[in-house]
Amino acid sequence: HSVGDEMKVTENFIAIQMATYGTFIEIDFPEVSSWLPWKNIVVPLLQFQIHVENAIEHGLRQKAEGVRTLSLSFREEENFIVCMIQDNGIGRKASKERGSRGSHQGTSMLDRVYELFNQRNEYHFRTEYEDLYDADKGDALGTKVIIYIPKRYNTQFK
């Protein structure tokens, strides 16, 4: 499964959400040219989609007022491609306080896949979560998920 495959899965998921619930979110989906150089890099299945789904279900859908935004972007580092998924939802803390609980199956599955394959590789997949807050008021401004994707990664069990 490649970055290109994952982008298509994620784009389809967003299209299904929009067809089902309407255009309640402004999506900033990256142009193909921004990730095309890395389209063949191997990533775990649902690597981006799981985090997009979490942003929609636990952050954006819970937001009572204002524009709801979701963005995906990429940048390159020396040994990694970095994918950032950012929303302006209610934030992880407020989501938890409101009782919005997922099964954590998606992110747990990714953690297990990372654990298995990272043992066999010099550079490791990893995911970081950044809770965004208004510096003056302290209000939650959403969540940013940062996914580090090694440029060279062996997914073969031998």
Protein backbone atom coordinates (compact mmCIF):
# COMPACT_ATOMS: atom_id res chain seq x y z
CA HIS A 1 0.00 0.00 0.00
CA SER A 2 1.54 3.30 -1.05
CA VAL A 3 1.17 6.98 -0.23
CA GLY A 4 -0.71 7.30 -3.54
CA ASP A 5 -3.10 4.50 -2.56
CA GLU A 6 -3.62 6.01 0.87
CA MET A 7 -4.37 9.44 -0.54
CA LYS A 8 -7.05 7.90 -2.77
CA VAL A 9 -8.59 6.00 0.18
CA THR A 10 -8.59 9.19 2.26
CA GLU A 11 -10.07 11.26 -0.57
CA ASN A 12 -12.82 8.66 -1.05
CA PHE A 13 -13.57 8.63 2.69
CA ILE A 14 -13.95 12.41 2.69
CA ALA A 15 -16.21 12.25 -0.38
CA ILE A 16 -18.44 9.69 1.37
CA GLN A 17 -18.61 11.90 4.48
CA MET A 18 -19.61 14.89 2.36
CA ALA A 19 -22.21 12.90 0.42
CA THR A 20 -23.69 11.59 3.67
CA TYR A 21 -23.58 14.69 5.86
CA GLY A 22 -23.25 17.56 3.42
CA THR A 23 -20.43 20.04 3.15
CA PHE A 24 -20.16 20.85 6.85
CA ILE A 25 -16.36 20.94 6.69
CA GLU A 26 -13.99 23.04 4.62
CA ILE A 27 -11.34 20.64 3.35
CA ASP A 28 -7.85 21.70 2.36
CA PHE A 29 -6.75 18.54 0.54
CA PRO A 30 -3.27 18.77 -0.95
CA GLU A 31 -2.70 19.03 -4.67
CA VAL A 32 -1.37 15.80 -6.17
CA SER A 33 1.85 17.60 -7.08
CA SER A 34 2.61 18.11 -3.36
CA TRP A 35 2.84 14.36 -2.68
CA LEU A 36 3.47 12.91 -6.15
CA PRO A 37 7.25 12.52 -5.62
CA TRP A 38 6.48 10.11 -2.75
CA LYS A 39 3.45 8.33 -4.21
CA ASN A 40 5.20 4.93 -4.20
CA ILE A 41 6.53 5.05 -0.63
CA VAL A 42 5.01 2.22 1.41
CA VAL A 43 2.67 3.13 4.30
CA PRO A 44 0.36 1.04 6.49
CA LEU A 45 -3.19 0.72 5.22
CA LEU A 46 -5.49 3.52 6.46
CA GLN A 47 -2.50 5.51 7.75
CA PHE A 48 -4.06 8.88 6.88
CA GLN A 49 -7.73 7.90 6.76
CA ILE A 50 -7.87 6.82 10.42
CA HIS A 51 -6.66 10.23 11.58
CA VAL A 52 -8.98 12.09 9.19
CA GLU A 53 -11.91 10.04 10.50
CA ASN A 54 -10.94 10.80 14.11
CA ALA A 55 -10.69 14.53 13.34
CA ILE A 56 -14.17 14.53 11.81
CA GLU A 57 -15.90 12.30 14.36
CA HIS A 58 -14.33 13.51 17.59
CA GLY A 59 -13.32 17.09 16.84
CA LEU A 60 -15.23 18.70 14.01
CA ARG A 61 -18.63 17.07 14.34
CA GLN A 62 -18.68 18.13 18.02
CA LYS A 63 -17.93 21.79 17.22
CA ALA A 64 -21.05 23.86 17.92
CA GLU A 65 -20.35 26.99 15.90
CA GLY A 66 -18.03 28.53 13.37
CA VAL A 67 -16.35 27.18 10.30
CA ARG A 68 -15.02 23.64 10.58
CA THR A 69 -11.74 23.06 8.76
CA LEU A 70 -9.61 20.03 8.04
CA SER A 71 -6.28 20.19 6.25
CA LEU A 72 -3.73 17.68 5.04
CA SER A 73 -0.24 18.73 4.05
CA PHE A 74 3.19 17.26 3.43
CA ARG A 75 6.76 18.31 3.92
CA GLU A 76 10.05 16.57 3.37
CA GLU A 77 12.80 15.99 5.89
CA GLU A 78 16.11 14.23 5.34
CA ASN A 79 14.95 10.64 5.91
CA PHE A 80 11.20 11.18 6.24
CA ILE A 81 8.11 12.43 4.52
CA VAL A 82 5.96 14.21 7.08
CA CYS A 83 2.17 14.24 6.74
CA MET A 84 0.23 16.71 8.86
CA ILE A 85 -3.50 16.41 9.46
CA GLN A 86 -4.95 19.40 11.27
CA ASP A 87 -8.48 20.29 12.35
CA ASN A 88 -9.99 23.22 14.19
CA GLY A 89 -12.39 21.06 16.20
CA ILE A 90 -13.00 21.01 19.93
CA GLY A 91 -9.69 19.32 20.76
CA ARG A 92 -8.89 15.97 22.32
CA LYS A 93 -9.45 17.06 25.92
CA ALA A 94 -12.93 18.51 25.31
CA SER A 95 -13.86 15.53 23.15
CA LYS A 96 -12.96 13.17 25.97
CA GLU A 97 -14.80 15.30 28.54
CA ARG A 98 -17.94 15.21 26.36
CA GLY A 99 -17.81 11.44 26.27
CA SER A 100 -16.84 11.17 22.62
CA ARG A 101 -14.98 7.91 22.76
CA GLY A 102 -13.80 5.85 19.92
CA SER A 103 -12.73 2.28 20.15
CA HIS A 104 -9.08 3.26 19.53
CA GLN A 105 -8.93 0.21 17.26
CA GLY A 106 -7.60 2.19 14.31
CA THR A 107 -4.77 3.93 16.10
CA SER A 108 -4.01 0.79 18.16
CA MET A 109 -3.74 -1.22 14.95
CA LEU A 110 -1.31 1.33 13.51
CA ASP A 111 0.77 1.22 16.71
CA ARG A 112 1.00 -2.59 16.45
CA VAL A 113 2.02 -2.39 12.79
CA TYR A 114 4.67 0.21 13.66
CA GLU A 115 5.97 -1.99 16.46
CA LEU A 116 6.31 -5.02 14.18
CA PHE A 117 7.99 -3.28 11.27
CA ASN A 118 10.01 -0.64 13.12
CA GLN A 119 12.09 -3.44 14.70
CA ARG A 120 13.35 -4.29 11.22
CA ASN A 121 14.16 -0.77 10.06
CA GLU A 122 16.70 1.93 10.78
CA TYR A 123 14.13 4.73 10.41
CA HIS A 124 10.82 4.36 12.22
CA PHE A 125 7.24 5.32 11.52
CA ARG A 126 5.88 7.47 14.30
CA THR A 127 2.86 9.62 15.01
CA GLU A 128 2.78 12.69 17.23
CA TYR A 129 -0.30 14.54 18.46
CA GLU A 130 -0.30 18.26 19.14
CA ASP A 131 -3.20 19.87 20.98
CA LEU A 132 -3.68 23.40 19.65
CA TYR A 133 -4.68 26.23 22.00
CA ASP A 134 -5.26 29.98 21.81
CA ALA A 135 -2.17 31.45 23.49
CA ASP A 136 -4.12 34.28 25.12
CA LYS A 137 -7.39 32.63 26.14
CA GLY A 138 -6.30 29.03 26.50
CA ASP A 139 -9.24 27.85 24.38
CA ALA A 140 -8.81 24.68 22.33
CA LEU A 141 -8.22 25.36 18.65
CA GLY A 142 -8.12 21.77 17.41
CA THR A 143 -5.61 19.00 16.95
CA LYS A 144 -2.63 18.39 14.68
CA VAL A 145 -1.49 14.86 13.90
CA ILE A 146 2.06 14.60 12.58
CA ILE A 147 2.98 11.34 10.85
CA TYR A 148 6.64 10.60 10.11
CA ILE A 149 6.99 8.25 7.15
CA PRO A 150 10.46 6.82 6.48
CA LYS A 151 11.60 7.21 2.88
CA ARG A 152 13.25 3.80 3.07
CA TYR A 153 11.28 1.11 4.85
CA ASN A 154 11.24 -2.67 4.58
CA THR A 155 7.81 -4.25 5.05
CA GLN A 156 8.86 -7.79 4.11
CA PHE A 157 8.98 -10.59 6.65
CA LYS A 158 11.75 -13.00 5.68
